Structure formats: structure tokens, C-alpha cells
């Protein structure tokens, strides 16, 4: 193949202007090729980061902002917390309505009780494999209501509970901590709700109206 020598003298009868135009065109084409080569060598990690950020933004946008426990779920959790000196684990059965998770009931997870300790419990299989459909998350207890958090206090360092949640596909995860439920959603914000939320709503007693006898006694003492 003949190679064009840009430094060669103009051929006889070939105007200098044509050679200059040809030289400029070749330089532009060469520059475009270099740019394309550099773009092709862009690290794949940057693309992965962009895709990961896009997924995180999408998940966080639809993440749960509230967890509502039905009566059966509250009673089951209270009973299990008192009955077991070791950690217990359950499957939260319910549904997601908008940004709220409604937990209808708690079903027992398939765990090996012989391997459960006051600080450790591991399911043998998933809630679905154990026969429970409609699972929206896992919940386990911390006996003594200790270390109930997904981040170590004052830090953004994940605990083993948060690491386990990150490997699941459920929208929420929760820790039974005495009379408090600590939970986290896919926005990875730790939240707390009272176990007996309804018990905190009390109606103020109506003031007692004095009887006629009390009124007479009160007037006599004045």
C-alpha cells in the first residue's frame, strides 16, 4: 500500500493549496481516532458506578417509610420475646402499600434451635422455602434488648444485622428489642416504633362532678 508522505515536495502540477487541505483533513481524522481510542479505554468501573447509583436512587425512591404491625404480629412478638432466652427469628407476612409496610402476621422461620444463642440465629432456609408466601421481611430478637441497631452508635459502620439485610431481597428488616421494634428499609435509614403503639393512645378520664353532699361540706369549710 502506498503511504502518503506529508513532508514530500508537491508533485509537479499539483497546487500547494490542495496539499494543505489534504494535510488538514488527515490531521482531523487522526485526532478523531485518538479521541475514540481514549473513550474506548475508559475504565469499566466508572460505568458500573453510574449503574449502581442509578439502581440505588430507584430503590430508595420506593423505599418504605413506615411499618404497621397488626394485632397478631404484636402479640406473637411479645410472647416469643418472653419465651425464648435465645434469639428467635420470624417471617413478617404482609404487603407494601405505597411507602408503608403492613405486617399482618408473624410466621416462625425455619431455624435450628440447637444452633440458636442469645446473640446468634441463622435460618436454615428462606421463608418461601419454609412455606410462607407474602413475606415482606425478616425479624429477629435481641434478648435483654441489647445492641438493637443496624449501625454502630455514632458511626455509619454496618453491623452484622445490616450486612445480612443487604444480602436479602425483602423491602424491610426488623429487630425485636423488648417493647421497641427497630427496623430498616431500602433507604438504609434506621427507624424505631413502639411494640404497643395502641396502648399509648389513652383517653383522658372525665372529671368527676361533685355530689351534693361534697358541695355542702366544701361550703361549710370555707
C-alpha atoms as a PDB file:
ATOM      1  CA  UNK A   1       0.000   0.000   0.000  1.00  0.00           C
ATOM      2  CA  UNK A   2       1.343   3.419  -0.922  1.00  0.00           C
ATOM      3  CA  UNK A   3       1.912   5.709   2.058  1.00  0.00           C
ATOM      4  CA  UNK A   4       1.350   9.410   1.737  1.00  0.00           C
ATOM      5  CA  UNK A   5       4.360  11.451   2.799  1.00  0.00           C
ATOM      6  CA  UNK A   6       3.099  14.785   4.069  1.00  0.00           C
ATOM      7  CA  UNK A   7       6.612  16.192   4.136  1.00  0.00           C
ATOM      8  CA  UNK A   8       7.264  15.339   0.498  1.00  0.00           C
ATOM      9  CA  UNK A   9       7.582  18.114  -2.010  1.00  0.00           C
ATOM     10  CA  UNK A  10       4.483  18.920  -4.069  1.00  0.00           C
ATOM     11  CA  UNK A  11       4.131  16.862  -7.224  1.00  0.00           C
ATOM     12  CA  UNK A  12       4.591  18.697 -10.472  1.00  0.00           C
ATOM     13  CA  UNK A  13       1.374  20.400 -11.441  1.00  0.00           C
ATOM     14  CA  UNK A  14      -0.298  19.836  -8.020  1.00  0.00           C
ATOM     15  CA  UNK A  15      -1.243  23.108  -6.365  1.00  0.00           C
ATOM     16  CA  UNK A  16       0.113  23.776  -2.869  1.00  0.00           C
ATOM     17  CA  UNK A  17      -3.411  24.661  -1.627  1.00  0.00           C
ATOM     18  CA  UNK A  18      -4.680  21.138  -2.354  1.00  0.00           C
ATOM     19  CA  UNK A  19      -1.865  19.575  -0.324  1.00  0.00           C
ATOM     20  CA  UNK A  20      -2.548  21.845   2.607  1.00  0.00           C
ATOM     21  CA  UNK A  21      -6.218  20.901   2.537  1.00  0.00           C
ATOM     22  CA  UNK A  22      -5.365  17.205   2.398  1.00  0.00           C
ATOM     23  CA  UNK A  23      -2.918  17.554   5.299  1.00  0.00           C
ATOM     24  CA  UNK A  24      -5.527  19.309   7.463  1.00  0.00           C
ATOM     25  CA  UNK A  25      -8.138  16.624   6.722  1.00  0.00           C
ATOM     26  CA  UNK A  26      -5.764  13.846   7.671  1.00  0.00           C
ATOM     27  CA  UNK A  27      -4.893  15.563  10.926  1.00  0.00           C
ATOM     28  CA  UNK A  28      -8.566  15.950  11.821  1.00  0.00           C
ATOM     29  CA  UNK A  29      -9.246  12.290  11.073  1.00  0.00           C
ATOM     30  CA  UNK A  30      -6.242  11.229  13.125  1.00  0.00           C
ATOM     31  CA  UNK A  31      -7.348  13.373  16.064  1.00  0.00           C
ATOM     32  CA  UNK A  32     -10.841  11.880  15.989  1.00  0.00           C
ATOM     33  CA  UNK A  33      -9.345   8.393  16.004  1.00  0.00           C
ATOM     34  CA  UNK A  34      -7.276   9.169  19.084  1.00  0.00           C
ATOM     35  CA  UNK A  35     -10.324  10.526  20.909  1.00  0.00           C
ATOM     36  CA  UNK A  36     -12.328   7.416  20.011  1.00  0.00           C
ATOM     37  CA  UNK A  37      -9.492   5.236  21.272  1.00  0.00           C
ATOM     38  CA  UNK A  38      -9.364   7.082  24.602  1.00  0.00           C
ATOM     39  CA  UNK A  39     -13.116   6.790  25.047  1.00  0.00           C
ATOM     40  CA  UNK A  40     -12.890   3.084  24.361  1.00  0.00           C
ATOM     41  CA  UNK A  41     -10.279   2.749  27.073  1.00  0.00           C
ATOM     42  CA  UNK A  42     -12.477   4.403  29.733  1.00  0.00           C
ATOM     43  CA  UNK A  43     -12.452   2.181  32.839  1.00  0.00           C
ATOM     44  CA  UNK A  44     -15.445  -0.099  33.161  1.00  0.00           C
ATOM     45  CA  UNK A  45     -15.628   0.784  36.844  1.00  0.00           C
ATOM     46  CA  UNK A  46     -16.999   4.215  36.029  1.00  0.00           C
ATOM     47  CA  UNK A  47     -19.895   2.652  34.121  1.00  0.00           C
ATOM     48  CA  UNK A  48     -20.542   0.218  36.972  1.00  0.00           C
ATOM     49  CA  UNK A  49     -20.594   3.084  39.458  1.00  0.00           C
ATOM     50  CA  UNK A  50     -23.115   5.004  37.383  1.00  0.00           C
ATOM     51  CA  UNK A  51     -25.360   1.967  37.057  1.00  0.00           C
ATOM     52  CA  UNK A  52     -25.109   1.224  40.797  1.00  0.00           C
ATOM     53  CA  UNK A  53     -26.009   4.816  41.658  1.00  0.00           C
ATOM     54  CA  UNK A  54     -28.999   4.646  39.322  1.00  0.00           C
ATOM     55  CA  UNK A  55     -30.234   1.451  40.963  1.00  0.00           C
ATOM     56  CA  UNK A  56     -29.759   2.875  44.465  1.00  0.00           C
ATOM     57  CA  UNK A  57     -31.684   6.026  43.582  1.00  0.00           C
ATOM     58  CA  UNK A  58     -34.546   3.977  42.142  1.00  0.00           C
ATOM     59  CA  UNK A  59     -34.758   1.668  45.175  1.00  0.00           C
ATOM     60  CA  UNK A  60     -34.523   4.492  47.695  1.00  0.00           C
ATOM     61  CA  UNK A  61     -37.323   6.359  45.906  1.00  0.00           C
ATOM     62  CA  UNK A  62     -39.757   3.492  46.573  1.00  0.00           C
ATOM     63  CA  UNK A  63     -38.368   2.531  49.984  1.00  0.00           C
ATOM     64  CA  UNK A  64     -40.707   2.014  52.916  1.00  0.00           C
ATOM     65  CA  UNK A  65     -41.123   4.917  55.314  1.00  0.00           C
ATOM     66  CA  UNK A  66     -43.370   3.205  57.858  1.00  0.00           C
ATOM     67  CA  UNK A  67     -44.124  -0.253  59.279  1.00  0.00           C
ATOM     68  CA  UNK A  68     -47.591  -1.039  60.635  1.00  0.00           C
ATOM     69  CA  UNK A  69     -47.990  -4.129  62.836  1.00  0.00           C
ATOM     70  CA  UNK A  70     -51.334  -5.895  63.135  1.00  0.00           C
ATOM     71  CA  UNK A  71     -52.536  -7.203  66.485  1.00  0.00           C
ATOM     72  CA  UNK A  72     -51.475 -10.801  65.838  1.00  0.00           C
ATOM     73  CA  UNK A  73     -47.979  -9.679  64.920  1.00  0.00           C
ATOM     74  CA  UNK A  74     -47.634  -7.653  68.136  1.00  0.00           C
ATOM     75  CA  UNK A  75     -48.937 -10.440  70.363  1.00  0.00           C
ATOM     76  CA  UNK A  76     -46.725 -13.057  68.716  1.00  0.00           C
ATOM     77  CA  UNK A  77     -43.615 -10.943  69.099  1.00  0.00           C
ATOM     78  CA  UNK A  78     -44.344 -10.176  72.749  1.00  0.00           C
ATOM     79  CA  UNK A  79     -44.910 -13.864  73.519  1.00  0.00           C
ATOM     80  CA  UNK A  80     -41.809 -15.062  71.700  1.00  0.00           C
ATOM     81  CA  UNK A  81     -39.623 -12.432  73.305  1.00  0.00           C
ATOM     82  CA  UNK A  82     -40.647 -13.595  76.782  1.00  0.00           C
ATOM     83  CA  UNK A  83     -40.485 -17.310  75.957  1.00  0.00           C
ATOM     84  CA  UNK A  84     -37.019 -17.554  74.428  1.00  0.00           C
ATOM     85  CA  UNK A  85     -33.731 -16.810  76.233  1.00  0.00           C
ATOM     86  CA  UNK A  86     -32.040 -17.081  72.817  1.00  0.00           C
ATOM     87  CA  UNK A  87     -32.641 -15.111  69.657  1.00  0.00           C
ATOM     88  CA  UNK A  88     -35.721 -16.134  67.704  1.00  0.00           C
ATOM     89  CA  UNK A  89     -36.488 -15.362  64.079  1.00  0.00           C
ATOM     90  CA  UNK A  90     -39.747 -14.853  62.241  1.00  0.00           C
ATOM     91  CA  UNK A  91     -41.070 -14.093  58.767  1.00  0.00           C
ATOM     92  CA  UNK A  92     -43.139 -10.909  58.516  1.00  0.00           C
ATOM     93  CA  UNK A  93     -46.139 -11.679  56.316  1.00  0.00           C
ATOM     94  CA  UNK A  94     -47.973  -8.771  54.756  1.00  0.00           C
ATOM     95  CA  UNK A  95     -47.830  -6.334  51.892  1.00  0.00           C
ATOM     96  CA  UNK A  96     -46.449  -2.984  50.842  1.00  0.00           C
ATOM     97  CA  UNK A  97     -48.928  -0.184  50.324  1.00  0.00           C
ATOM     98  CA  UNK A  98     -47.192   2.836  48.885  1.00  0.00           C
ATOM     99  CA  UNK A  99     -44.363   3.664  51.252  1.00  0.00           C
ATOM    100  CA  UNK A 100     -45.848   1.662  54.142  1.00  0.00           C
ATOM    101  CA  UNK A 101     -45.283  -1.978  55.051  1.00  0.00           C
ATOM    102  CA  UNK A 102     -48.340  -3.603  56.633  1.00  0.00           C
ATOM    103  CA  UNK A 103     -47.414  -6.722  58.631  1.00  0.00           C
ATOM    104  CA  UNK A 104     -50.473  -8.918  59.015  1.00  0.00           C
ATOM    105  CA  UNK A 105     -48.829 -11.723  60.981  1.00  0.00           C
ATOM    106  CA  UNK A 106     -45.519 -13.230  62.045  1.00  0.00           C
ATOM    107  CA  UNK A 107     -44.713 -16.773  60.938  1.00  0.00           C
ATOM    108  CA  UNK A 108     -41.899 -18.806  62.507  1.00  0.00           C
ATOM    109  CA  UNK A 109     -38.765 -19.037  60.395  1.00  0.00           C
ATOM    110  CA  UNK A 110     -37.119 -22.400  59.805  1.00  0.00           C
ATOM    111  CA  UNK A 111     -34.170 -22.283  62.191  1.00  0.00           C
ATOM    112  CA  UNK A 112     -32.148 -24.882  64.027  1.00  0.00           C
ATOM    113  CA  UNK A 113     -32.967 -24.226  67.674  1.00  0.00           C
ATOM    114  CA  UNK A 114     -29.860 -26.131  68.749  1.00  0.00           C
ATOM    115  CA  UNK A 115     -27.717 -23.533  66.984  1.00  0.00           C
ATOM    116  CA  UNK A 116     -29.553 -20.504  68.396  1.00  0.00           C
ATOM    117  CA  UNK A 117     -27.768 -18.488  71.087  1.00  0.00           C
ATOM    118  CA  UNK A 118     -28.526 -15.217  72.911  1.00  0.00           C
ATOM    119  CA  UNK A 119     -26.520 -13.404  70.229  1.00  0.00           C
ATOM    120  CA  UNK A 120     -26.918 -15.555  67.135  1.00  0.00           C
ATOM    121  CA  UNK A 121     -29.612 -17.175  64.997  1.00  0.00           C
ATOM    122  CA  UNK A 122     -29.486 -18.277  61.363  1.00  0.00           C
ATOM    123  CA  UNK A 123     -32.358 -19.534  59.198  1.00  0.00           C
ATOM    124  CA  UNK A 124     -31.924 -22.940  57.593  1.00  0.00           C
ATOM    125  CA  UNK A 125     -33.875 -21.849  54.516  1.00  0.00           C
ATOM    126  CA  UNK A 126     -35.850 -18.908  53.175  1.00  0.00           C
ATOM    127  CA  UNK A 127     -39.356 -18.035  54.311  1.00  0.00           C
ATOM    128  CA  UNK A 128     -40.716 -19.011  50.913  1.00  0.00           C
ATOM    129  CA  UNK A 129     -38.998 -22.412  51.044  1.00  0.00           C
ATOM    130  CA  UNK A 130     -40.481 -22.872  54.517  1.00  0.00           C
ATOM    131  CA  UNK A 131     -43.953 -22.469  53.018  1.00  0.00           C
ATOM    132  CA  UNK A 132     -44.675 -18.805  53.808  1.00  0.00           C
ATOM    133  CA  UNK A 133     -45.825 -16.582  50.959  1.00  0.00           C
ATOM    134  CA  UNK A 134     -46.196 -12.832  51.090  1.00  0.00           C
ATOM    135  CA  UNK A 135     -43.067 -12.293  53.171  1.00  0.00           C
ATOM    136  CA  UNK A 136     -42.072  -8.629  53.368  1.00  0.00           C
ATOM    137  CA  UNK A 137     -39.116  -9.038  55.709  1.00  0.00           C
ATOM    138  CA  UNK A 138     -37.364 -10.945  58.480  1.00  0.00           C
ATOM    139  CA  UNK A 139     -37.456 -10.111  62.167  1.00  0.00           C
ATOM    140  CA  UNK A 140     -35.302 -11.494  64.966  1.00  0.00           C
ATOM    141  CA  UNK A 141     -34.960 -10.696  68.643  1.00  0.00           C
ATOM    142  CA  UNK A 142     -32.157  -9.387  70.803  1.00  0.00           C
ATOM    143  CA  UNK A 143     -32.651 -10.887  74.269  1.00  0.00           C
ATOM    144  CA  UNK A 144     -32.234  -8.337  77.012  1.00  0.00           C
ATOM    145  CA  UNK A 145     -32.979  -5.589  74.471  1.00  0.00           C
ATOM    146  CA  UNK A 146     -29.269  -5.018  73.902  1.00  0.00           C
ATOM    147  CA  UNK A 147     -27.357  -3.788  70.849  1.00  0.00           C
ATOM    148  CA  UNK A 148     -30.515  -3.018  68.900  1.00  0.00           C
ATOM    149  CA  UNK A 149     -29.072  -1.119  65.965  1.00  0.00           C
ATOM    150  CA  UNK A 150     -28.021  -1.531  62.339  1.00  0.00           C
ATOM    151  CA  UNK A 151     -25.155   0.944  62.611  1.00  0.00           C
ATOM    152  CA  UNK A 152     -22.743   1.085  65.488  1.00  0.00           C
ATOM    153  CA  UNK A 153     -23.677   4.132  67.597  1.00  0.00           C
ATOM    154  CA  UNK A 154     -22.248   7.390  66.348  1.00  0.00           C
ATOM    155  CA  UNK A 155     -20.958   5.852  63.119  1.00  0.00           C
ATOM    156  CA  UNK A 156     -22.071   4.664  59.694  1.00  0.00           C
ATOM    157  CA  UNK A 157     -20.367   1.304  60.226  1.00  0.00           C
ATOM    158  CA  UNK A 158     -22.756  -1.540  59.429  1.00  0.00           C
ATOM    159  CA  UNK A 159     -23.453  -4.257  61.987  1.00  0.00           C
ATOM    160  CA  UNK A 160     -23.849  -7.906  61.041  1.00  0.00           C
ATOM    161  CA  UNK A 161     -27.629  -7.388  61.012  1.00  0.00           C
ATOM    162  CA  UNK A 162     -27.333  -4.708  58.327  1.00  0.00           C
ATOM    163  CA  UNK A 163     -24.914  -6.842  56.339  1.00  0.00           C
ATOM    164  CA  UNK A 164     -27.421  -9.705  56.403  1.00  0.00           C
ATOM    165  CA  UNK A 165     -30.227  -7.392  55.260  1.00  0.00           C
ATOM    166  CA  UNK A 166     -28.109  -6.145  52.350  1.00  0.00           C
ATOM    167  CA  UNK A 167     -27.930  -9.733  51.062  1.00  0.00           C
ATOM    168  CA  UNK A 168     -31.722 -10.206  51.159  1.00  0.00           C
ATOM    169  CA  UNK A 169     -34.386  -9.150  48.673  1.00  0.00           C
ATOM    170  CA  UNK A 170     -37.068  -8.147  51.172  1.00  0.00           C
ATOM    171  CA  UNK A 171     -38.055  -4.466  51.471  1.00  0.00           C
ATOM    172  CA  UNK A 172     -37.543  -4.289  55.262  1.00  0.00           C
ATOM    173  CA  UNK A 173     -35.811  -5.977  58.173  1.00  0.00           C
ATOM    174  CA  UNK A 174     -36.538  -5.643  61.889  1.00  0.00           C
ATOM    175  CA  UNK A 175     -35.136  -6.338  65.356  1.00  0.00           C
ATOM    176  CA  UNK A 176     -37.402  -7.168  68.288  1.00  0.00           C
ATOM    177  CA  UNK A 177     -35.996  -5.189  71.196  1.00  0.00           C
ATOM    178  CA  UNK A 178     -38.271  -5.532  74.208  1.00  0.00           C
ATOM    179  CA  UNK A 179     -41.106  -3.031  73.838  1.00  0.00           C
ATOM    180  CA  UNK A 180     -39.485  -1.455  70.760  1.00  0.00           C
ATOM    181  CA  UNK A 181     -39.133  -2.585  67.157  1.00  0.00           C
ATOM    182  CA  UNK A 182     -36.049  -1.330  65.349  1.00  0.00           C
ATOM    183  CA  UNK A 183     -36.379  -1.627  61.577  1.00  0.00           C
ATOM    184  CA  UNK A 184     -34.691  -0.555  58.376  1.00  0.00           C
ATOM    185  CA  UNK A 185     -35.785  -0.242  54.745  1.00  0.00           C
ATOM    186  CA  UNK A 186     -34.061   0.027  51.398  1.00  0.00           C
ATOM    187  CA  UNK A 187     -33.193   3.663  52.008  1.00  0.00           C
ATOM    188  CA  UNK A 188     -30.984   2.269  54.819  1.00  0.00           C
ATOM    189  CA  UNK A 189     -32.375   4.650  57.426  1.00  0.00           C
ATOM    190  CA  UNK A 190     -32.799   3.104  60.875  1.00  0.00           C
ATOM    191  CA  UNK A 191     -36.191   3.714  62.485  1.00  0.00           C
ATOM    192  CA  UNK A 192     -37.964   2.702  65.717  1.00  0.00           C
ATOM    193  CA  UNK A 193     -41.593   2.049  66.557  1.00  0.00           C
ATOM    194  CA  UNK A 194     -43.174   1.002  69.870  1.00  0.00           C
ATOM    195  CA  UNK A 195     -44.468  -2.544  70.100  1.00  0.00           C
ATOM    196  CA  UNK A 196     -47.689  -1.499  71.780  1.00  0.00           C
ATOM    197  CA  UNK A 197     -48.494   1.622  69.799  1.00  0.00           C
ATOM    198  CA  UNK A 198     -52.207   1.403  70.529  1.00  0.00           C
ATOM    199  CA  UNK A 199     -51.587   1.180  74.269  1.00  0.00           C
ATOM    200  CA  UNK A 200     -50.063   4.651  74.223  1.00  0.00           C
ATOM    201  CA  UNK A 201     -53.289   6.180  72.946  1.00  0.00           C
ATOM    202  CA  UNK A 202     -55.258   6.778  76.101  1.00  0.00           C
ATOM    203  CA  UNK A 203     -58.386   8.786  76.609  1.00  0.00           C
ATOM    204  CA  UNK A 204     -58.298  11.315  79.422  1.00  0.00           C
ATOM    205  CA  UNK A 205     -60.739  10.447  82.187  1.00  0.00           C
ATOM    206  CA  UNK A 206     -63.688  12.797  82.502  1.00  0.00           C
ATOM    207  CA  UNK A 207     -63.516  14.994  85.616  1.00  0.00           C
ATOM    208  CA  UNK A 208     -65.698  13.777  88.475  1.00  0.00           C
ATOM    209  CA  UNK A 209     -68.631  16.000  89.248  1.00  0.00           C
ATOM    210  CA  UNK A 210     -69.016  16.660  92.977  1.00  0.00           C
ATOM    211  CA  UNK A 211     -72.097  15.296  94.688  1.00  0.00           C
ATOM    212  CA  UNK A 212     -74.491  17.455  96.642  1.00  0.00           C
ATOM    213  CA  UNK A 213     -73.003  16.223  99.913  1.00  0.00           C
ATOM    214  CA  UNK A 214     -69.474  17.181  98.831  1.00  0.00           C
ATOM    215  CA  UNK A 215     -70.688  20.618  97.819  1.00  0.00           C
ATOM    216  CA  UNK A 216     -72.255  21.221 101.266  1.00  0.00           C
ATOM    217  CA  UNK A 217     -69.098  20.020 103.046  1.00  0.00           C
ATOM    218  CA  UNK A 218     -66.956  22.252 100.860  1.00  0.00           C
ATOM    219  CA  UNK A 219     -69.123  25.317 101.569  1.00  0.00           C
ATOM    220  CA  UNK A 220     -69.002  24.614 105.324  1.00  0.00           C
ATOM    221  CA  UNK A 221     -65.190  24.513 105.293  1.00  0.00           C
ATOM    222  CA  UNK A 222     -64.878  27.896 103.593  1.00  0.00           C
END
